[in-house]
Amino acid sequence: MHRICFAILLCCLPLAVYGEETPQDAKQDVKELAQAELKPSRPVALLSSDEPNRLGCTKDSYERACFLDFTLSMRYPLLYEALDEGHKFDMLPFFSFTGRMGQYSGSVRHSSPVVTKKFNPKLYFRFYTSDTVGQVLGTTDSKQDFYDVGYAHESNGQYVDSVAVFNSTAASVGGTDIAQDYISRGWDYIDYRRYLHFHALGTNSLDVDMRYFLSYGLLQKGSEEYFPWEAPRAITRISQVDGIRMKVNREFNVSGFKGATLSYTTGYRDFARWNTFRAELGFTPLSDLLGLPIVLWGQTGYLNNVTQYYRRAWSIGLAASFETYQ
């Protein structure tokens, strides 16, 4: 009988030891649960667009026909967890990349080539203002105030850098006019951007972007803006037509329309002499069926592409644009 009671006691002992929770452990569990509930949830994926991603058709004034124009842009925050989602210093570092390419019809150019028009990696620090207190940072730019300081490289990814290579390229692609797209361009620049969001007026915003172009940089050892063998022209430096950018965004509270933007770009060398103006209108046709945002845009001035940044021309386009006016 004593042996049976002892065996029952041994069976019950582990249950008593491991089944009970001390008051201190219970308090710790409640504290951790409360902290988890207070921590803001991440609304979207950290990998997001830096500029609008677009796919559409573009017509330049000096081209015979439009071309398929697509832009892919993305960014990712660095040290997101270590910096407590940016709230530790109201700052997040980002790495971004934006690329633009155009595909031409076989009726316009032989073999329907895809031409790289823009290659733009950038590393920058984004500093958030006091208006972003309590928000999840790094994701909803259109509703936050911030300023960026960064270092970037911009080029067209092409290879023609001598008259011999240019003549050879012209013979293979169908002429000197088409060969212009393959002249190598590239430069590094220091970037400062200020984004102001007017909360009282909806998602209206003012975006100011200042760029200082370097003649010798970390990624572009020597800027390629003009080669001596090219035809003489008045604009030989990117800073003559770029470096100061301003954009105003206005949201529409009208069914089917998303918003509009107006932008102005000029250079800090020969300030306000060589100007570029651009207008965009965003709308959602058949929104109940597709919900796909469409952008109708027009531009006059310079900077139609990196290669021929110096060429005065106009452009118009129609494109599907993702997360542009949201």
C-alpha atoms as a PDB file:
ATOM      1  CA  MET A   1       0.000   0.000   0.000  1.00  0.00           C
ATOM      2  CA  HIS A   2       2.828   2.419   0.866  1.00  0.00           C
ATOM      3  CA  ARG A   3       4.528   1.593  -2.472  1.00  0.00           C
ATOM      4  CA  ILE A   4       1.327   2.387  -4.403  1.00  0.00           C
ATOM      5  CA  CYS A   5       0.904   5.780  -2.668  1.00  0.00           C
ATOM      6  CA  PHE A   6       4.565   6.647  -3.322  1.00  0.00           C
ATOM      7  CA  ALA A   7       4.183   5.851  -7.028  1.00  0.00           C
ATOM      8  CA  ILE A   8       1.091   8.056  -7.300  1.00  0.00           C
ATOM      9  CA  LEU A   9       2.989  10.891  -5.580  1.00  0.00           C
ATOM     10  CA  LEU A  10       5.867  10.609  -8.050  1.00  0.00           C
ATOM     11  CA  CYS A  11       3.446  10.781 -11.010  1.00  0.00           C
ATOM     12  CA  CYS A  12       1.758  13.891  -9.670  1.00  0.00           C
ATOM     13  CA  LEU A  13       4.955  15.720  -8.667  1.00  0.00           C
ATOM     14  CA  PRO A  14       6.083  16.807 -12.171  1.00  0.00           C
ATOM     15  CA  LEU A  15       2.617  18.130 -12.895  1.00  0.00           C
ATOM     16  CA  ALA A  16       2.768  20.295  -9.834  1.00  0.00           C
ATOM     17  CA  VAL A  17       6.280  21.548 -10.546  1.00  0.00           C
ATOM     18  CA  TYR A  18       5.922  22.335 -14.285  1.00  0.00           C
ATOM     19  CA  GLY A  19       2.197  23.055 -14.488  1.00  0.00           C
ATOM     20  CA  GLU A  20       2.159  26.022 -12.149  1.00  0.00           C
ATOM     21  CA  GLU A  21       3.256  29.510 -13.247  1.00  0.00           C
ATOM     22  CA  THR A  22       4.736  31.925 -10.760  1.00  0.00           C
ATOM     23  CA  PRO A  23       3.229  35.391 -10.388  1.00  0.00           C
ATOM     24  CA  GLN A  24       6.448  36.895 -11.750  1.00  0.00           C
ATOM     25  CA  ASP A  25       6.221  34.815 -14.957  1.00  0.00           C
ATOM     26  CA  ALA A  26       2.577  35.770 -15.417  1.00  0.00           C
ATOM     27  CA  LYS A  27       3.386  39.484 -15.134  1.00  0.00           C
ATOM     28  CA  GLN A  28       6.171  39.110 -17.704  1.00  0.00           C
ATOM     29  CA  ASP A  29       3.827  37.414 -20.169  1.00  0.00           C
ATOM     30  CA  VAL A  30       1.235  40.171 -19.785  1.00  0.00           C
ATOM     31  CA  LYS A  31       3.917  42.823 -20.326  1.00  0.00           C
ATOM     32  CA  GLU A  32       5.213  41.195 -23.517  1.00  0.00           C
ATOM     33  CA  LEU A  33       1.666  40.812 -24.835  1.00  0.00           C
ATOM     34  CA  ALA A  34       0.924  44.477 -24.201  1.00  0.00           C
ATOM     35  CA  GLN A  35       4.115  45.566 -25.968  1.00  0.00           C
ATOM     36  CA  ALA A  36       3.257  43.413 -28.970  1.00  0.00           C
ATOM     37  CA  GLU A  37      -0.192  45.014 -29.200  1.00  0.00           C
ATOM     38  CA  LEU A  38       1.236  48.540 -29.011  1.00  0.00           C
ATOM     39  CA  LYS A  39       3.851  47.937 -31.711  1.00  0.00           C
ATOM     40  CA  PRO A  40       2.536  49.227 -35.073  1.00  0.00           C
ATOM     41  CA  SER A  41       2.008  46.625 -37.737  1.00  0.00           C
ATOM     42  CA  ARG A  42       3.837  46.922 -41.041  1.00  0.00           C
ATOM     43  CA  PRO A  43       1.229  48.055 -43.625  1.00  0.00           C
ATOM     44  CA  VAL A  44       3.041  47.046 -46.820  1.00  0.00           C
ATOM     45  CA  ALA A  45       6.137  45.187 -47.936  1.00  0.00           C
ATOM     46  CA  LEU A  46       9.412  47.008 -47.358  1.00  0.00           C
ATOM     47  CA  LEU A  47      10.382  46.548 -51.006  1.00  0.00           C
ATOM     48  CA  SER A  48       8.493  49.367 -52.743  1.00  0.00           C
ATOM     49  CA  SER A  49       8.754  51.772 -55.660  1.00  0.00           C
ATOM     50  CA  ASP A  50      11.024  54.808 -55.452  1.00  0.00           C
ATOM     51  CA  GLU A  51       9.579  56.427 -58.574  1.00  0.00           C
ATOM     52  CA  PRO A  52       6.369  55.419 -60.349  1.00  0.00           C
ATOM     53  CA  ASN A  53       6.582  52.103 -62.212  1.00  0.00           C
ATOM     54  CA  ARG A  54       5.152  52.646 -65.672  1.00  0.00           C
ATOM     55  CA  LEU A  55       4.418  50.825 -68.901  1.00  0.00           C
ATOM     56  CA  GLY A  56       3.100  52.717 -71.877  1.00  0.00           C
ATOM     57  CA  CYS A  57       3.719  54.423 -75.195  1.00  0.00           C
ATOM     58  CA  THR A  58       5.864  57.552 -75.690  1.00  0.00           C
ATOM     59  CA  LYS A  59       6.222  59.812 -78.728  1.00  0.00           C
ATOM     60  CA  ASP A  60       9.235  62.115 -79.002  1.00  0.00           C
ATOM     61  CA  SER A  61       9.016  65.002 -81.454  1.00  0.00           C
ATOM     62  CA  TYR A  62      12.138  63.895 -83.343  1.00  0.00           C
ATOM     63  CA  GLU A  63      11.029  60.239 -83.713  1.00  0.00           C
ATOM     64  CA  ARG A  64       8.877  58.915 -86.562  1.00  0.00           C
ATOM     65  CA  ALA A  65       6.678  56.811 -84.277  1.00  0.00           C
ATOM     66  CA  CYS A  66       6.064  56.092 -80.620  1.00  0.00           C
ATOM     67  CA  PHE A  67       7.971  53.417 -78.702  1.00  0.00           C
ATOM     68  CA  LEU A  68       7.123  51.082 -75.840  1.00  0.00           C
ATOM     69  CA  ASP A  69       8.357  52.915 -72.757  1.00  0.00           C
ATOM     70  CA  PHE A  70       8.761  51.148 -69.414  1.00  0.00           C
ATOM     71  CA  THR A  71      10.238  52.230 -66.102  1.00  0.00           C
ATOM     72  CA  LEU A  72      11.088  49.920 -63.211  1.00  0.00           C
ATOM     73  CA  SER A  73      11.868  51.535 -59.868  1.00  0.00           C
ATOM     74  CA  MET A  74      12.376  50.028 -56.424  1.00  0.00           C
ATOM     75  CA  ARG A  75      13.892  50.785 -53.057  1.00  0.00           C
ATOM     76  CA  TYR A  76      14.614  48.990 -49.807  1.00  0.00           C
ATOM     77  CA  PRO A  77      15.370  50.434 -46.345  1.00  0.00           C
ATOM     78  CA  LEU A  78      18.656  49.437 -44.748  1.00  0.00           C
ATOM     79  CA  LEU A  79      18.949  48.605 -41.006  1.00  0.00           C
ATOM     80  CA  TYR A  80      15.156  48.765 -40.677  1.00  0.00           C
ATOM     81  CA  GLU A  81      14.929  46.624 -37.543  1.00  0.00           C
ATOM     82  CA  ALA A  82      18.104  47.994 -35.945  1.00  0.00           C
ATOM     83  CA  LEU A  83      16.810  51.553 -36.238  1.00  0.00           C
ATOM     84  CA  ASP A  84      13.424  50.531 -34.781  1.00  0.00           C
ATOM     85  CA  GLU A  85      11.612  51.124 -38.078  1.00  0.00           C
ATOM     86  CA  GLY A  86      13.184  54.581 -38.334  1.00  0.00           C
ATOM     87  CA  HIS A  87      11.779  55.933 -35.061  1.00  0.00           C
ATOM     88  CA  LYS A  88      15.080  55.688 -33.174  1.00  0.00           C
ATOM     89  CA  PHE A  89      16.620  58.698 -34.914  1.00  0.00           C
ATOM     90  CA  ASP A  90      13.665  59.696 -37.156  1.00  0.00           C
ATOM     91  CA  MET A  91      15.830  58.488 -40.032  1.00  0.00           C
ATOM     92  CA  LEU A  92      16.189  55.551 -42.410  1.00  0.00           C
ATOM     93  CA  PRO A  93      18.896  54.816 -44.993  1.00  0.00           C
ATOM     94  CA  PHE A  94      17.660  53.532 -48.351  1.00  0.00           C
ATOM     95  CA  PHE A  95      19.093  51.916 -51.441  1.00  0.00           C
ATOM     96  CA  SER A  96      17.120  52.502 -54.620  1.00  0.00           C
ATOM     97  CA  PHE A  97      17.364  51.725 -58.299  1.00  0.00           C
ATOM     98  CA  THR A  98      15.436  53.139 -61.244  1.00  0.00           C
ATOM     99  CA  GLY A  99      15.821  51.925 -64.795  1.00  0.00           C
ATOM    100  CA  ARG A 100      14.104  53.077 -67.974  1.00  0.00           C
ATOM    101  CA  MET A 101      14.117  51.294 -71.338  1.00  0.00           C
ATOM    102  CA  GLY A 102      12.392  51.697 -74.668  1.00  0.00           C
ATOM    103  CA  GLN A 103      11.523  49.112 -77.305  1.00  0.00           C
ATOM    104  CA  TYR A 104      11.123  50.245 -80.900  1.00  0.00           C
ATOM    105  CA  SER A 105       8.970  48.649 -83.566  1.00  0.00           C
ATOM    106  CA  GLY A 106      10.629  46.667 -86.328  1.00  0.00           C
ATOM    107  CA  SER A 107       9.061  49.032 -88.861  1.00  0.00           C
ATOM    108  CA  VAL A 108      11.059  51.896 -87.328  1.00  0.00           C
ATOM    109  CA  ARG A 109      14.305  50.229 -86.308  1.00  0.00           C
ATOM    110  CA  HIS A 110      15.825  46.975 -87.454  1.00  0.00           C
ATOM    111  CA  SER A 111      15.242  43.941 -85.213  1.00  0.00           C
ATOM    112  CA  SER A 112      12.946  45.821 -82.764  1.00  0.00           C
ATOM    113  CA  PRO A 113      15.769  46.790 -80.371  1.00  0.00           C
ATOM    114  CA  VAL A 114      15.437  47.551 -76.666  1.00  0.00           C
ATOM    115  CA  VAL A 115      17.450  50.673 -75.829  1.00  0.00           C
ATOM    116  CA  THR A 116      18.509  51.504 -72.276  1.00  0.00           C
ATOM    117  CA  LYS A 117      17.614  55.111 -71.513  1.00  0.00           C
ATOM    118  CA  LYS A 118      18.300  55.443 -67.803  1.00  0.00           C
ATOM    119  CA  PHE A 119      20.339  53.612 -65.156  1.00  0.00           C
ATOM    120  CA  ASN A 120      20.038  55.269 -61.744  1.00  0.00           C
ATOM    121  CA  PRO A 121      21.210  53.581 -58.499  1.00  0.00           C
ATOM    122  CA  LYS A 122      21.163  55.723 -55.365  1.00  0.00           C
ATOM    123  CA  LEU A 123      22.080  55.482 -51.673  1.00  0.00           C
ATOM    124  CA  TYR A 124      20.437  58.062 -49.433  1.00  0.00           C
ATOM    125  CA  PHE A 125      19.351  58.921 -45.896  1.00  0.00           C
ATOM    126  CA  ARG A 126      15.754  59.955 -45.332  1.00  0.00           C
ATOM    127  CA  PHE A 127      15.089  62.209 -42.341  1.00  0.00           C
ATOM    128  CA  TYR A 128      11.487  62.430 -41.146  1.00  0.00           C
ATOM    129  CA  THR A 129       9.991  65.567 -39.624  1.00  0.00           C
ATOM    130  CA  SER A 130       7.931  65.866 -36.449  1.00  0.00           C
ATOM    131  CA  ASP A 131       4.718  65.459 -38.476  1.00  0.00           C
ATOM    132  CA  THR A 132       5.460  61.731 -38.828  1.00  0.00           C
ATOM    133  CA  VAL A 133       5.332  60.943 -35.093  1.00  0.00           C
ATOM    134  CA  GLY A 134       3.441  57.696 -34.474  1.00  0.00           C
ATOM    135  CA  GLN A 135       3.463  56.620 -38.116  1.00  0.00           C
ATOM    136  CA  VAL A 136       5.115  53.580 -39.645  1.00  0.00           C
ATOM    137  CA  LEU A 137       8.004  55.028 -41.599  1.00  0.00           C
ATOM    138  CA  GLY A 138       9.533  54.122 -44.913  1.00  0.00           C
ATOM    139  CA  THR A 139       6.336  53.160 -46.712  1.00  0.00           C
ATOM    140  CA  THR A 140       3.661  55.848 -47.165  1.00  0.00           C
ATOM    141  CA  ASP A 141       5.646  58.721 -48.689  1.00  0.00           C
ATOM    142  CA  SER A 142       2.611  60.600 -50.000  1.00  0.00           C
ATOM    143  CA  LYS A 143       1.398  61.208 -46.451  1.00  0.00           C
ATOM    144  CA  GLN A 144       4.709  62.059 -44.746  1.00  0.00           C
ATOM    145  CA  ASP A 145       7.091  64.998 -44.612  1.00  0.00           C
ATOM    146  CA  PHE A 146      10.771  64.258 -45.066  1.00  0.00           C
ATOM    147  CA  TYR A 147      14.029  65.303 -46.657  1.00  0.00           C
ATOM    148  CA  ASP A 148      16.653  63.127 -48.339  1.00  0.00           C
ATOM    149  CA  VAL A 149      20.422  63.457 -48.578  1.00  0.00           C
ATOM    150  CA  GLY A 150      22.130  60.994 -50.885  1.00  0.00           C
ATOM    151  CA  TYR A 151      24.703  60.011 -53.471  1.00  0.00           C
ATOM    152  CA  ALA A 152      23.656  58.727 -56.890  1.00  0.00           C
ATOM    153  CA  HIS A 153      24.888  57.670 -60.294  1.00  0.00           C
ATOM    154  CA  GLU A 154      23.022  58.285 -63.527  1.00  0.00           C
ATOM    155  CA  SER A 155      23.911  56.909 -66.932  1.00  0.00           C
ATOM    156  CA  ASN A 156      22.412  55.343 -70.035  1.00  0.00           C
ATOM    157  CA  GLY A 157      24.438  52.116 -69.932  1.00  0.00           C
ATOM    158  CA  GLN A 158      25.769  52.595 -73.474  1.00  0.00           C
ATOM    159  CA  TYR A 159      29.239  52.081 -74.926  1.00  0.00           C
ATOM    160  CA  VAL A 160      30.001  54.507 -77.799  1.00  0.00           C
ATOM    161  CA  ASP A 161      32.832  56.809 -76.665  1.00  0.00           C
ATOM    162  CA  SER A 162      34.886  57.383 -79.824  1.00  0.00           C
ATOM    163  CA  VAL A 163      34.258  58.467 -83.403  1.00  0.00           C
ATOM    164  CA  ALA A 164      35.394  55.084 -84.729  1.00  0.00           C
ATOM    165  CA  VAL A 165      32.893  53.197 -82.576  1.00  0.00           C
ATOM    166  CA  PHE A 166      30.185  55.718 -83.431  1.00  0.00           C
ATOM    167  CA  ASN A 167      30.680  55.262 -87.176  1.00  0.00           C
ATOM    168  CA  SER A 168      30.658  51.488 -86.764  1.00  0.00           C
ATOM    169  CA  THR A 169      27.466  51.642 -84.698  1.00  0.00           C
ATOM    170  CA  ALA A 170      25.778  53.956 -87.201  1.00  0.00           C
ATOM    171  CA  ALA A 171      26.520  51.483 -89.989  1.00  0.00           C
ATOM    172  CA  SER A 172      25.016  48.584 -88.023  1.00  0.00           C
ATOM    173  CA  VAL A 173      21.885  50.232 -86.556  1.00  0.00           C
ATOM    174  CA  GLY A 174      20.769  52.179 -89.597  1.00  0.00           C
ATOM    175  CA  GLY A 175      22.179  55.684 -89.513  1.00  0.00           C
ATOM    176  CA  THR A 176      23.701  58.433 -87.388  1.00  0.00           C
ATOM    177  CA  ASP A 177      20.340  59.585 -85.978  1.00  0.00           C
ATOM    178  CA  ILE A 178      19.696  56.184 -84.387  1.00  0.00           C
ATOM    179  CA  ALA A 179      23.345  55.861 -83.333  1.00  0.00           C
ATOM    180  CA  GLN A 180      22.883  58.943 -81.140  1.00  0.00           C
ATOM    181  CA  ASP A 181      21.021  56.724 -78.652  1.00  0.00           C
ATOM    182  CA  TYR A 182      24.158  54.638 -78.120  1.00  0.00           C
ATOM    183  CA  ILE A 183      26.578  57.432 -77.179  1.00  0.00           C
ATOM    184  CA  SER A 184      27.806  56.827 -73.636  1.00  0.00           C
ATOM    185  CA  ARG A 185      26.606  59.279 -70.984  1.00  0.00           C
ATOM    186  CA  GLY A 186      27.177  59.151 -67.254  1.00  0.00           C
ATOM    187  CA  TRP A 187      27.789  61.204 -64.127  1.00  0.00           C
ATOM    188  CA  ASP A 188      27.585  61.040 -60.346  1.00  0.00           C
ATOM    189  CA  TYR A 189      25.733  63.600 -58.271  1.00  0.00           C
ATOM    190  CA  ILE A 190      24.959  64.606 -54.709  1.00  0.00           C
ATOM    191  CA  ASP A 191      21.233  64.845 -54.095  1.00  0.00           C
ATOM    192  CA  TYR A 192      19.055  66.806 -51.676  1.00  0.00           C
ATOM    193  CA  ARG A 193      15.292  66.406 -51.778  1.00  0.00           C
ATOM    194  CA  ARG A 194      12.600  68.058 -49.666  1.00  0.00           C
ATOM    195  CA  TYR A 195       9.073  66.661 -49.670  1.00  0.00           C
ATOM    196  CA  LEU A 196       6.273  68.687 -48.075  1.00  0.00           C
ATOM    197  CA  HIS A 197       2.823  67.189 -47.588  1.00  0.00           C
ATOM    198  CA  PHE A 198      -0.086  69.508 -46.929  1.00  0.00           C
ATOM    199  CA  HIS A 199      -2.335  67.440 -44.666  1.00  0.00           C
ATOM    200  CA  ALA A 200      -5.110  70.023 -44.474  1.00  0.00           C
ATOM    201  CA  LEU A 201      -5.555  69.880 -48.252  1.00  0.00           C
ATOM    202  CA  GLY A 202      -5.522  66.101 -48.716  1.00  0.00           C
ATOM    203  CA  THR A 203      -2.534  64.546 -50.462  1.00  0.00           C
ATOM    204  CA  ASN A 204      -1.378  67.780 -52.089  1.00  0.00           C
ATOM    205  CA  SER A 205       2.392  68.087 -51.950  1.00  0.00           C
ATOM    206  CA  LEU A 206       5.437  70.086 -52.989  1.00  0.00           C
ATOM    207  CA  ASP A 207       8.580  68.216 -54.010  1.00  0.00           C
ATOM    208  CA  VAL A 208      11.900  70.088 -54.380  1.00  0.00           C
ATOM    209  CA  ASP A 209      14.958  68.203 -55.655  1.00  0.00           C
ATOM    210  CA  MET A 210      18.456  69.757 -55.796  1.00  0.00           C
ATOM    211  CA  ARG A 211      21.330  67.958 -57.540  1.00  0.00           C
ATOM    212  CA  TYR A 212      25.010  68.825 -57.751  1.00  0.00           C
ATOM    213  CA  PHE A 213      26.775  67.004 -60.586  1.00  0.00           C
ATOM    214  CA  LEU A 214      30.362  65.848 -60.107  1.00  0.00           C
ATOM    215  CA  SER A 215      33.027  65.898 -62.813  1.00  0.00           C
ATOM    216  CA  TYR A 216      34.751  62.999 -61.029  1.00  0.00           C
ATOM    217  CA  GLY A 217      32.824  60.595 -58.809  1.00  0.00           C
ATOM    218  CA  LEU A 218      32.964  57.265 -57.020  1.00  0.00           C
ATOM    219  CA  LEU A 219      31.079  55.333 -59.712  1.00  0.00           C
ATOM    220  CA  GLN A 220      31.732  57.553 -62.735  1.00  0.00           C
ATOM    221  CA  LYS A 221      35.464  58.337 -62.669  1.00  0.00           C
ATOM    222  CA  GLY A 222      35.054  61.006 -65.308  1.00  0.00           C
ATOM    223  CA  SER A 223      31.683  62.438 -66.317  1.00  0.00           C
ATOM    224  CA  GLU A 224      30.635  61.769 -69.918  1.00  0.00           C
ATOM    225  CA  GLU A 225      28.571  64.750 -71.009  1.00  0.00           C
ATOM    226  CA  TYR A 226      30.216  65.759 -74.296  1.00  0.00           C
ATOM    227  CA  PHE A 227      32.920  64.259 -76.516  1.00  0.00           C
ATOM    228  CA  PRO A 228      35.187  66.431 -78.723  1.00  0.00           C
ATOM    229  CA  TRP A 229      34.191  64.444 -81.818  1.00  0.00           C
ATOM    230  CA  GLU A 230      30.493  65.283 -81.394  1.00  0.00           C
ATOM    231  CA  ALA A 231      28.906  68.124 -83.344  1.00  0.00           C
ATOM    232  CA  PRO A 232      29.286  71.544 -81.666  1.00  0.00           C
ATOM    233  CA  ARG A 233      26.329  72.584 -79.532  1.00  0.00           C
ATOM    234  CA  ALA A 234      25.434  75.184 -76.913  1.00  0.00           C
ATOM    235  CA  ILE A 235      24.638  72.686 -74.145  1.00  0.00           C
ATOM    236  CA  THR A 236      27.584  70.491 -73.183  1.00  0.00           C
ATOM    237  CA  ARG A 237      27.021  70.103 -69.428  1.00  0.00           C
ATOM    238  CA  ILE A 238      24.140  68.370 -67.664  1.00  0.00           C
ATOM    239  CA  SER A 239      24.122  71.162 -65.062  1.00  0.00           C
ATOM    240  CA  GLN A 240      22.965  73.594 -67.765  1.00  0.00           C
ATOM    241  CA  VAL A 241      19.553  71.888 -68.000  1.00  0.00           C
ATOM    242  CA  ASP A 242      19.258  69.952 -64.711  1.00  0.00           C
ATOM    243  CA  GLY A 243      20.001  70.342 -61.014  1.00  0.00           C
ATOM    244  CA  ILE A 244      16.937  72.231 -59.779  1.00  0.00           C
ATOM    245  CA  ARG A 245      13.602  70.406 -59.862  1.00  0.00           C
ATOM    246  CA  MET A 246      10.220  71.394 -58.429  1.00  0.00           C
ATOM    247  CA  LYS A 247       6.970  69.440 -58.606  1.00  0.00           C
ATOM    248  CA  VAL A 248       3.486  70.183 -57.294  1.00  0.00           C
ATOM    249  CA  ASN A 249       0.893  67.423 -56.864  1.00  0.00           C
ATOM    250  CA  ARG A 250      -2.851  67.996 -56.581  1.00  0.00           C
ATOM    251  CA  GLU A 251      -5.342  65.272 -55.735  1.00  0.00           C
ATOM    252  CA  PHE A 252      -8.822  65.329 -57.288  1.00  0.00           C
ATOM    253  CA  ASN A 253     -11.913  64.278 -55.362  1.00  0.00           C
ATOM    254  CA  VAL A 254     -13.685  63.417 -58.611  1.00  0.00           C
ATOM    255  CA  SER A 255     -14.797  59.934 -59.588  1.00  0.00           C
ATOM    256  CA  GLY A 256     -12.450  58.449 -62.170  1.00  0.00           C
ATOM    257  CA  PHE A 257      -9.673  61.015 -61.665  1.00  0.00           C
ATOM    258  CA  LYS A 258      -6.716  60.517 -59.327  1.00  0.00           C
ATOM    259  CA  GLY A 259      -4.746  63.744 -59.538  1.00  0.00           C
ATOM    260  CA  ALA A 260      -2.390  65.953 -61.511  1.00  0.00           C
ATOM    261  CA  THR A 261       1.207  67.115 -61.270  1.00  0.00           C
ATOM    262  CA  LEU A 262       3.097  70.088 -62.669  1.00  0.00           C
ATOM    263  CA  SER A 263       6.889  70.110 -62.662  1.00  0.00           C
ATOM    264  CA  TYR A 264       9.656  72.518 -63.608  1.00  0.00           C
ATOM    265  CA  THR A 265      13.330  71.696 -64.142  1.00  0.00           C
ATOM    266  CA  THR A 266      16.282  73.944 -64.890  1.00  0.00           C
ATOM    267  CA  GLY A 267      20.042  74.016 -64.388  1.00  0.00           C
ATOM    268  CA  TYR A 268      22.083  75.854 -61.805  1.00  0.00           C
ATOM    269  CA  ARG A 269      24.651  76.684 -64.514  1.00  0.00           C
ATOM    270  CA  ASP A 270      23.050  79.398 -66.694  1.00  0.00           C
ATOM    271  CA  PHE A 271      20.149  79.418 -64.234  1.00  0.00           C
ATOM    272  CA  ALA A 272      16.639  79.493 -65.780  1.00  0.00           C
ATOM    273  CA  ARG A 273      17.988  79.724 -69.342  1.00  0.00           C
ATOM    274  CA  TRP A 274      17.265  76.125 -70.398  1.00  0.00           C
ATOM    275  CA  ASN A 275      13.917  75.097 -68.936  1.00  0.00           C
ATOM    276  CA  THR A 276      11.756  71.966 -68.950  1.00  0.00           C
ATOM    277  CA  PHE A 277       8.042  71.830 -68.130  1.00  0.00           C
ATOM    278  CA  ARG A 278       6.003  68.681 -67.583  1.00  0.00           C
ATOM    279  CA  ALA A 279       2.322  68.035 -66.820  1.00  0.00           C
ATOM    280  CA  GLU A 280       0.621  64.755 -65.829  1.00  0.00           C
ATOM    281  CA  LEU A 281      -3.001  63.760 -65.362  1.00  0.00           C
ATOM    282  CA  GLY A 282      -3.891  60.528 -63.561  1.00  0.00           C
ATOM    283  CA  PHE A 283      -7.231  58.796 -63.971  1.00  0.00           C
ATOM    284  CA  THR A 284      -8.795  55.340 -63.635  1.00  0.00           C
ATOM    285  CA  PRO A 285     -10.996  54.401 -66.601  1.00  0.00           C
ATOM    286  CA  LEU A 286     -13.277  51.423 -65.949  1.00  0.00           C
ATOM    287  CA  SER A 287     -12.240  51.603 -62.309  1.00  0.00           C
ATOM    288  CA  ASP A 288     -14.979  49.191 -61.245  1.00  0.00           C
ATOM    289  CA  LEU A 289     -13.619  46.609 -63.664  1.00  0.00           C
ATOM    290  CA  LEU A 290      -9.848  47.087 -63.705  1.00  0.00           C
ATOM    291  CA  GLY A 291      -8.912  49.802 -61.226  1.00  0.00           C
ATOM    292  CA  LEU A 292      -5.730  50.427 -63.240  1.00  0.00           C
ATOM    293  CA  PRO A 293      -4.366  53.980 -62.894  1.00  0.00           C
ATOM    294  CA  ILE A 294      -3.542  55.601 -66.233  1.00  0.00           C
ATOM    295  CA  VAL A 295      -1.331  58.672 -66.709  1.00  0.00           C
ATOM    296  CA  LEU A 296      -1.559  61.051 -69.649  1.00  0.00           C
ATOM    297  CA  TRP A 297       1.506  63.295 -69.747  1.00  0.00           C
ATOM    298  CA  GLY A 298       3.298  65.877 -71.845  1.00  0.00           C
ATOM    299  CA  GLN A 299       6.716  67.506 -71.631  1.00  0.00           C
ATOM    300  CA  THR A 300       8.542  70.283 -73.437  1.00  0.00           C
ATOM    301  CA  GLY A 301      12.137  71.353 -73.059  1.00  0.00           C
ATOM    302  CA  TYR A 302      15.077  69.046 -72.451  1.00  0.00           C
ATOM    303  CA  LEU A 303      15.931  65.787 -70.622  1.00  0.00           C
ATOM    304  CA  ASN A 304      13.801  63.520 -72.799  1.00  0.00           C
ATOM    305  CA  ASN A 305      16.419  60.907 -72.017  1.00  0.00           C
ATOM    306  CA  VAL A 306      19.901  60.746 -70.531  1.00  0.00           C
ATOM    307  CA  THR A 307      21.660  60.312 -73.885  1.00  0.00           C
ATOM    308  CA  GLN A 308      20.257  63.393 -75.590  1.00  0.00           C
ATOM    309  CA  TYR A 309      19.685  65.496 -72.481  1.00  0.00           C
ATOM    310  CA  TYR A 310      20.754  68.598 -74.452  1.00  0.00           C
ATOM    311  CA  ARG A 311      18.171  68.254 -77.230  1.00  0.00           C
ATOM    312  CA  ARG A 312      15.209  70.600 -77.191  1.00  0.00           C
ATOM    313  CA  ALA A 313      12.066  68.605 -77.959  1.00  0.00           C
ATOM    314  CA  TRP A 314       8.567  67.770 -76.811  1.00  0.00           C
ATOM    315  CA  SER A 315       7.198  64.404 -75.731  1.00  0.00           C
ATOM    316  CA  ILE A 316       3.760  63.011 -75.002  1.00  0.00           C
ATOM    317  CA  GLY A 317       2.774  59.668 -73.571  1.00  0.00           C
ATOM    318  CA  LEU A 318       0.095  57.410 -72.153  1.00  0.00           C
ATOM    319  CA  ALA A 319       1.046  54.812 -69.552  1.00  0.00           C
ATOM    320  CA  ALA A 320      -0.226  52.518 -66.841  1.00  0.00           C
ATOM    321  CA  SER A 321       1.257  53.817 -63.611  1.00  0.00           C
ATOM    322  CA  PHE A 322       1.400  51.830 -60.390  1.00  0.00           C
ATOM    323  CA  GLU A 323       1.146  53.485 -56.945  1.00  0.00           C
ATOM    324  CA  THR A 324       1.604  56.918 -58.493  1.00  0.00           C
ATOM    325  CA  TYR A 325      -1.158  58.935 -56.875  1.00  0.00           C
ATOM    326  CA  GLN A 326      -1.818  56.830 -53.776  1.00  0.00           C
END
